[in-house]
């Protein structure tokens, strides 16, 4: 089964997102910063990464570049999630290889829809015609 990795130095934000994803049936791992996330990724690459931008040690931009430059993980979708809401921030995030950029605060359904869409594009998730969720 696919795993979503949530990376955020705010314990509150991280725990809220983990709980929401779990409530929707996803398996979730969590990391407090980019360095901890890279350690998780080395052991078991996730199906998708959701990362904050501004974090100690390794920020979200660096994490995304590391993921996208490694042949083992270059196809792992990355969602950047930040309070940085300027168009330049979105542009720079996408330039680093992010597959989506979501501005905080966000509606939980918007994040879940982005996760479902990117996992479906990557072949990890689909909804059959009866509306049931199927996860590989």
N, C-alpha and C. Protein backbone atom coordinates (compact mmCIF):
# COMPACT_ATOMS: atom_id res chain seq x y z
N UNK A 1 0.85 -1.19 0.00
CA UNK A 1 0.00 0.00 0.00
C UNK A 1 0.88 1.24 0.00
N UNK A 2 0.45 2.27 -0.70
CA UNK A 2 1.23 3.49 -0.82
C UNK A 2 1.21 4.30 0.47
N UNK A 3 2.30 5.03 0.70
CA UNK A 3 2.46 5.83 1.90
C UNK A 3 2.66 7.29 1.51
N UNK A 4 2.01 8.19 2.24
CA UNK A 4 2.19 9.62 2.07
C UNK A 4 3.10 10.10 3.20
N UNK A 5 4.14 10.85 2.85
CA UNK A 5 5.06 11.41 3.84
C UNK A 5 4.73 12.89 4.04
N UNK A 6 4.41 13.27 5.27
CA UNK A 6 4.09 14.65 5.63
C UNK A 6 5.30 15.24 6.35
N UNK A 7 5.79 16.39 5.85
CA UNK A 7 6.98 17.01 6.41
C UNK A 7 6.64 18.44 6.81
N UNK A 8 6.69 18.72 8.11
CA UNK A 8 6.38 20.07 8.60
C UNK A 8 7.01 20.22 9.98
N UNK A 9 7.67 21.34 10.22
CA UNK A 9 8.29 21.56 11.53
C UNK A 9 7.27 21.97 12.59
N UNK A 10 6.07 22.35 12.18
CA UNK A 10 5.01 22.66 13.13
C UNK A 10 4.31 21.36 13.51
N UNK A 11 4.47 20.95 14.76
CA UNK A 11 3.85 19.70 15.21
C UNK A 11 2.34 19.75 15.03
N UNK A 12 1.73 20.90 15.30
CA UNK A 12 0.28 21.03 15.17
C UNK A 12 -0.16 20.83 13.74
N UNK A 13 0.48 21.54 12.80
CA UNK A 13 0.12 21.41 11.39
C UNK A 13 0.36 19.99 10.89
N UNK A 14 1.47 19.42 11.29
CA UNK A 14 1.83 18.07 10.87
C UNK A 14 0.79 17.06 11.38
N UNK A 15 0.46 17.14 12.66
CA UNK A 15 -0.49 16.20 13.26
C UNK A 15 -1.89 16.34 12.67
N UNK A 16 -2.30 17.58 12.39
CA UNK A 16 -3.62 17.79 11.79
C UNK A 16 -3.70 17.16 10.40
N UNK A 17 -2.66 17.37 9.59
CA UNK A 17 -2.66 16.81 8.24
C UNK A 17 -2.57 15.29 8.27
N UNK A 18 -1.72 14.75 9.14
CA UNK A 18 -1.62 13.30 9.28
C UNK A 18 -2.99 12.71 9.65
N UNK A 19 -3.67 13.32 10.61
CA UNK A 19 -4.98 12.83 11.05
C UNK A 19 -6.00 12.88 9.91
N UNK A 20 -6.00 13.95 9.15
CA UNK A 20 -6.94 14.09 8.02
C UNK A 20 -6.68 13.03 6.96
N UNK A 21 -5.41 12.82 6.63
CA UNK A 21 -5.06 11.80 5.63
C UNK A 21 -5.44 10.40 6.12
N UNK A 22 -5.17 10.12 7.38
CA UNK A 22 -5.52 8.81 7.95
C UNK A 22 -7.04 8.61 7.96
N UNK A 23 -7.77 9.68 8.27
CA UNK A 23 -9.23 9.62 8.27
C UNK A 23 -9.76 9.25 6.88
N UNK A 24 -9.01 9.64 5.84
CA UNK A 24 -9.40 9.33 4.46
C UNK A 24 -8.85 7.98 4.01
N UNK A 25 -8.18 7.26 4.90
CA UNK A 25 -7.73 5.92 4.59
C UNK A 25 -6.30 5.78 4.09
N UNK A 26 -5.54 6.86 4.12
CA UNK A 26 -4.15 6.79 3.65
C UNK A 26 -3.22 6.33 4.76
N UNK A 27 -2.17 5.60 4.38
CA UNK A 27 -1.08 5.30 5.30
C UNK A 27 -0.16 6.50 5.28
N UNK A 28 0.27 6.96 6.45
CA UNK A 28 1.03 8.21 6.55
C UNK A 28 2.25 8.04 7.43
N UNK A 29 3.37 8.63 6.99
CA UNK A 29 4.57 8.78 7.82
C UNK A 29 4.74 10.29 8.01
N UNK A 30 5.46 10.68 9.05
CA UNK A 30 5.66 12.10 9.31
C UNK A 30 7.12 12.38 9.65
N UNK A 31 7.55 13.59 9.30
CA UNK A 31 8.91 14.05 9.61
C UNK A 31 8.83 15.52 10.01
N UNK A 32 9.72 15.93 10.92
CA UNK A 32 9.72 17.29 11.44
C UNK A 32 10.52 18.27 10.60
N UNK A 33 11.34 17.77 9.68
CA UNK A 33 12.10 18.65 8.79
C UNK A 33 12.59 17.85 7.59
N UNK A 34 13.22 18.55 6.65
CA UNK A 34 13.67 17.90 5.43
C UNK A 34 14.73 16.84 5.64
N UNK A 35 15.60 17.04 6.62
CA UNK A 35 16.64 16.04 6.87
C UNK A 35 16.03 14.73 7.38
N UNK A 36 15.11 14.84 8.31
CA UNK A 36 14.42 13.64 8.81
C UNK A 36 13.64 12.97 7.67
N UNK A 37 13.04 13.78 6.82
CA UNK A 37 12.30 13.23 5.67
C UNK A 37 13.22 12.45 4.74
N UNK A 38 14.41 13.00 4.47
CA UNK A 38 15.36 12.31 3.58
C UNK A 38 15.79 10.97 4.18
N UNK A 39 15.90 10.91 5.50
CA UNK A 39 16.24 9.63 6.15
C UNK A 39 15.12 8.61 5.93
N UNK A 40 13.86 9.04 6.08
CA UNK A 40 12.72 8.15 5.82
C UNK A 40 12.74 7.68 4.36
N UNK A 41 12.99 8.62 3.45
CA UNK A 41 12.94 8.33 2.02
C UNK A 41 14.01 7.32 1.62
N UNK A 42 15.20 7.43 2.23
CA UNK A 42 16.28 6.46 1.93
C UNK A 42 15.86 5.04 2.29
N UNK A 43 15.16 4.89 3.40
CA UNK A 43 14.74 3.57 3.87
C UNK A 43 13.59 3.02 3.03
N UNK A 44 12.58 3.86 2.78
CA UNK A 44 11.39 3.42 2.04
C UNK A 44 10.78 4.62 1.33
N UNK A 45 11.05 4.79 0.03
CA UNK A 45 10.48 5.93 -0.69
C UNK A 45 8.94 5.92 -0.63
N UNK A 46 8.35 7.06 -0.30
CA UNK A 46 6.89 7.14 -0.23
C UNK A 46 6.29 7.28 -1.63
N UNK A 47 4.97 7.17 -1.69
CA UNK A 47 4.26 7.37 -2.95
C UNK A 47 4.11 8.85 -3.25
N UNK A 48 4.09 9.69 -2.19
CA UNK A 48 3.88 11.13 -2.33
C UNK A 48 4.44 11.83 -1.10
N UNK A 49 4.94 13.05 -1.30
CA UNK A 49 5.47 13.86 -0.20
C UNK A 49 4.71 15.18 -0.15
N UNK A 50 4.27 15.57 1.04
CA UNK A 50 3.70 16.90 1.28
C UNK A 50 4.68 17.60 2.20
N UNK A 51 5.23 18.74 1.76
CA UNK A 51 6.25 19.41 2.57
C UNK A 51 5.97 20.89 2.76
N UNK A 52 6.24 21.34 3.97
CA UNK A 52 6.27 22.76 4.27
C UNK A 52 7.53 23.32 3.60
N UNK A 53 7.64 24.62 3.49
CA UNK A 53 8.83 25.22 2.88
C UNK A 53 9.86 25.65 3.90
N UNK A 54 9.44 26.41 4.88
CA UNK A 54 10.37 27.00 5.83
C UNK A 54 10.53 26.06 7.02
N UNK A 55 11.68 25.37 7.05
CA UNK A 55 11.97 24.40 8.12
C UNK A 55 13.46 24.47 8.44
N UNK A 56 13.84 24.06 9.65
CA UNK A 56 15.27 24.03 9.99
C UNK A 56 15.99 22.92 9.24
N UNK A 57 17.31 23.01 9.23
CA UNK A 57 18.22 22.03 8.63
C UNK A 57 18.06 21.92 7.12
N UNK A 58 17.02 21.30 6.63
CA UNK A 58 16.78 21.18 5.18
C UNK A 58 15.37 21.69 4.91
N UNK A 59 15.27 22.77 4.10
CA UNK A 59 13.95 23.34 3.83
C UNK A 59 13.22 22.57 2.73
N UNK A 60 11.98 22.96 2.47
CA UNK A 60 11.16 22.26 1.50
C UNK A 60 11.68 22.33 0.08
N UNK A 61 12.28 23.47 -0.29
CA UNK A 61 12.86 23.58 -1.64
C UNK A 61 14.00 22.58 -1.82
N UNK A 62 14.88 22.50 -0.83
CA UNK A 62 16.01 21.56 -0.90
C UNK A 62 15.52 20.12 -0.91
N UNK A 63 14.53 19.83 -0.09
CA UNK A 63 13.98 18.49 -0.04
C UNK A 63 13.42 18.10 -1.41
N UNK A 64 12.66 19.00 -2.01
CA UNK A 64 12.09 18.72 -3.33
C UNK A 64 13.18 18.48 -4.37
N UNK A 65 14.20 19.33 -4.37
CA UNK A 65 15.31 19.14 -5.32
C UNK A 65 15.99 17.79 -5.12
N UNK A 66 16.20 17.40 -3.85
CA UNK A 66 16.81 16.09 -3.56
C UNK A 66 15.95 14.95 -4.07
N UNK A 67 14.65 15.04 -3.85
CA UNK A 67 13.74 13.99 -4.30
C UNK A 67 13.77 13.89 -5.82
N UNK A 68 13.67 15.02 -6.49
CA UNK A 68 13.56 15.03 -7.95
C UNK A 68 14.88 14.73 -8.65
N UNK A 69 16.01 14.88 -7.97
CA UNK A 69 17.31 14.62 -8.60
C UNK A 69 17.79 13.18 -8.38
N UNK A 70 17.11 12.43 -7.55
CA UNK A 70 17.48 11.04 -7.28
C UNK A 70 16.68 10.12 -8.21
N UNK A 71 17.34 9.31 -9.03
CA UNK A 71 16.62 8.42 -9.94
C UNK A 71 15.61 7.50 -9.25
N UNK A 72 15.88 7.13 -7.99
CA UNK A 72 14.93 6.27 -7.25
C UNK A 72 13.63 6.97 -6.90
N UNK A 73 13.69 8.30 -6.75
CA UNK A 73 12.52 9.03 -6.26
C UNK A 73 12.06 10.14 -7.19
N UNK A 74 12.67 10.27 -8.35
CA UNK A 74 12.36 11.41 -9.22
C UNK A 74 10.89 11.46 -9.65
N UNK A 75 10.19 10.34 -9.62
CA UNK A 75 8.79 10.32 -10.02
C UNK A 75 7.82 10.43 -8.84
N UNK A 76 8.35 10.59 -7.64
CA UNK A 76 7.49 10.75 -6.46
C UNK A 76 6.89 12.15 -6.51
N UNK A 77 5.55 12.26 -6.53
CA UNK A 77 4.93 13.59 -6.54
C UNK A 77 5.22 14.34 -5.23
N UNK A 78 5.42 15.65 -5.37
CA UNK A 78 5.69 16.50 -4.21
C UNK A 78 4.67 17.64 -4.20
N UNK A 79 4.01 17.81 -3.06
CA UNK A 79 3.12 18.95 -2.84
C UNK A 79 3.82 19.87 -1.86
N UNK A 80 4.05 21.12 -2.28
CA UNK A 80 4.60 22.12 -1.36
C UNK A 80 3.42 22.84 -0.73
N UNK A 81 3.50 23.05 0.57
CA UNK A 81 2.42 23.64 1.33
C UNK A 81 3.01 24.70 2.25
N UNK A 82 2.61 25.96 2.05
CA UNK A 82 3.26 27.03 2.80
C UNK A 82 2.35 28.24 2.97
N UNK A 83 2.69 29.07 3.95
CA UNK A 83 2.01 30.34 4.12
C UNK A 83 2.53 31.37 3.11
N UNK A 84 3.63 31.05 2.45
CA UNK A 84 4.19 31.95 1.44
C UNK A 84 3.26 31.93 0.22
N UNK A 85 2.52 33.02 0.04
CA UNK A 85 1.43 33.02 -0.94
C UNK A 85 1.69 33.87 -2.18
N UNK A 86 2.86 34.45 -2.29
CA UNK A 86 3.14 35.27 -3.47
C UNK A 86 3.30 34.40 -4.71
N UNK A 87 3.00 34.95 -5.86
CA UNK A 87 3.12 34.21 -7.12
C UNK A 87 4.55 33.71 -7.32
N UNK A 88 5.55 34.51 -6.90
CA UNK A 88 6.94 34.09 -7.04
C UNK A 88 7.21 32.82 -6.24
N UNK A 89 6.63 32.73 -5.04
CA UNK A 89 6.84 31.54 -4.20
C UNK A 89 6.30 30.30 -4.91
N UNK A 90 5.12 30.42 -5.48
CA UNK A 90 4.52 29.30 -6.23
C UNK A 90 5.41 28.95 -7.42
N UNK A 91 5.84 29.97 -8.16
CA UNK A 91 6.70 29.75 -9.33
C UNK A 91 8.00 29.04 -8.91
N UNK A 92 8.63 29.53 -7.84
CA UNK A 92 9.90 28.96 -7.41
C UNK A 92 9.71 27.51 -6.94
N UNK A 93 8.62 27.24 -6.25
CA UNK A 93 8.34 25.87 -5.82
C UNK A 93 8.18 24.93 -7.00
N UNK A 94 7.46 25.37 -8.01
CA UNK A 94 7.27 24.53 -9.19
C UNK A 94 8.58 24.37 -9.95
N UNK A 95 9.40 25.41 -9.94
CA UNK A 95 10.70 25.35 -10.61
C UNK A 95 11.62 24.32 -9.93
N UNK A 96 11.43 24.09 -8.64
CA UNK A 96 12.24 23.10 -7.91
C UNK A 96 11.77 21.68 -8.18
N UNK A 97 10.63 21.56 -8.87
CA UNK A 97 10.13 20.23 -9.22
C UNK A 97 8.82 19.84 -8.55
N UNK A 98 8.24 20.75 -7.76
CA UNK A 98 6.98 20.42 -7.09
C UNK A 98 5.89 20.13 -8.13
N UNK A 99 5.01 19.23 -7.78
CA UNK A 99 3.89 18.88 -8.65
C UNK A 99 2.65 19.70 -8.33
N UNK A 100 2.61 20.27 -7.13
CA UNK A 100 1.50 21.14 -6.72
C UNK A 100 2.00 22.06 -5.62
N UNK A 101 1.33 23.21 -5.48
CA UNK A 101 1.67 24.19 -4.45
C UNK A 101 0.36 24.62 -3.81
N UNK A 102 0.22 24.38 -2.53
CA UNK A 102 -1.01 24.73 -1.81
C UNK A 102 -0.65 25.72 -0.71
N UNK A 103 -1.41 26.81 -0.67
CA UNK A 103 -1.15 27.88 0.30
C UNK A 103 -1.94 27.62 1.59
N UNK A 104 -1.24 27.79 2.73
CA UNK A 104 -1.88 27.71 4.05
C UNK A 104 -2.50 29.06 4.37
N UNK A 105 -3.61 29.13 5.04
CA UNK A 105 -4.44 27.99 5.41
C UNK A 105 -5.20 27.46 4.19
N UNK A 106 -5.51 26.19 4.21
CA UNK A 106 -6.22 25.56 3.10
C UNK A 106 -7.40 24.77 3.66
N UNK A 107 -8.33 24.46 2.79
CA UNK A 107 -9.44 23.59 3.17
C UNK A 107 -8.95 22.15 3.08
N UNK A 108 -9.20 21.33 4.09
CA UNK A 108 -8.73 19.94 4.04
C UNK A 108 -9.13 19.21 2.76
N UNK A 109 -10.33 19.48 2.25
CA UNK A 109 -10.76 18.78 1.03
C UNK A 109 -9.88 19.15 -0.16
N UNK A 110 -9.35 20.37 -0.18
CA UNK A 110 -8.45 20.77 -1.28
C UNK A 110 -7.16 19.96 -1.24
N UNK A 111 -6.62 19.76 -0.04
CA UNK A 111 -5.40 18.97 0.10
C UNK A 111 -5.67 17.51 -0.28
N UNK A 112 -6.77 16.95 0.23
CA UNK A 112 -7.10 15.55 -0.06
C UNK A 112 -7.31 15.37 -1.56
N UNK A 113 -7.99 16.31 -2.21
CA UNK A 113 -8.19 16.21 -3.66
C UNK A 113 -6.87 16.24 -4.41
N UNK A 114 -5.94 17.09 -3.98
CA UNK A 114 -4.63 17.16 -4.63
C UNK A 114 -3.87 15.85 -4.43
N UNK A 115 -3.92 15.29 -3.23
CA UNK A 115 -3.26 14.02 -2.95
C UNK A 115 -3.84 12.92 -3.83
N UNK A 116 -5.17 12.82 -3.86
CA UNK A 116 -5.82 11.79 -4.68
C UNK A 116 -5.44 11.94 -6.15
N UNK A 117 -5.50 13.17 -6.64
CA UNK A 117 -5.18 13.41 -8.05
C UNK A 117 -3.75 12.99 -8.39
N UNK A 118 -2.79 13.42 -7.58
CA UNK A 118 -1.39 13.10 -7.87
C UNK A 118 -1.09 11.61 -7.70
N UNK A 119 -1.71 10.97 -6.72
CA UNK A 119 -1.52 9.53 -6.56
C UNK A 119 -2.15 8.76 -7.72
N UNK A 120 -3.29 9.25 -8.18
CA UNK A 120 -3.93 8.62 -9.34
C UNK A 120 -3.05 8.77 -10.58
N UNK A 121 -2.51 9.97 -10.78
CA UNK A 121 -1.61 10.20 -11.92
C UNK A 121 -0.38 9.29 -11.85
N UNK A 122 0.09 9.02 -10.63
CA UNK A 122 1.27 8.17 -10.45
C UNK A 122 0.92 6.68 -10.45
N UNK A 123 -0.38 6.37 -10.54
CA UNK A 123 -0.81 4.98 -10.61
C UNK A 123 -1.00 4.29 -9.27
N UNK A 124 -1.09 5.06 -8.18
CA UNK A 124 -1.23 4.48 -6.85
C UNK A 124 -2.66 4.48 -6.32
N UNK A 125 -3.56 5.20 -6.96
CA UNK A 125 -4.87 5.44 -6.37
C UNK A 125 -5.90 5.55 -7.48
N UNK A 126 -7.09 4.98 -7.27
CA UNK A 126 -8.19 5.19 -8.21
C UNK A 126 -9.51 4.98 -7.49
N UNK A 127 -10.55 5.53 -8.05
CA UNK A 127 -11.89 5.30 -7.53
C UNK A 127 -12.65 4.57 -8.63
N UNK A 128 -13.23 3.41 -8.28
CA UNK A 128 -13.96 2.66 -9.30
C UNK A 128 -15.33 3.30 -9.54
N UNK A 129 -16.08 2.75 -10.45
CA UNK A 129 -17.35 3.35 -10.84
C UNK A 129 -18.39 3.35 -9.73
N UNK A 130 -18.21 2.54 -8.69
CA UNK A 130 -19.15 2.52 -7.58
C UNK A 130 -18.78 3.54 -6.51
N UNK A 131 -17.70 4.28 -6.72
CA UNK A 131 -17.30 5.29 -5.77
C UNK A 131 -16.45 4.77 -4.63
N UNK A 132 -16.08 3.47 -4.70
CA UNK A 132 -15.21 2.93 -3.66
C UNK A 132 -13.78 3.34 -3.95
N UNK A 133 -13.01 3.48 -2.91
CA UNK A 133 -11.61 3.85 -3.06
C UNK A 133 -10.77 2.58 -3.16
N UNK A 134 -9.87 2.57 -4.13
CA UNK A 134 -8.97 1.45 -4.31
C UNK A 134 -7.55 1.99 -4.22
N UNK A 135 -6.75 1.44 -3.31
CA UNK A 135 -5.36 1.87 -3.17
C UNK A 135 -4.45 0.70 -3.42
N UNK A 136 -3.40 0.91 -4.20
CA UNK A 136 -2.42 -0.15 -4.48
C UNK A 136 -1.39 -0.23 -3.39
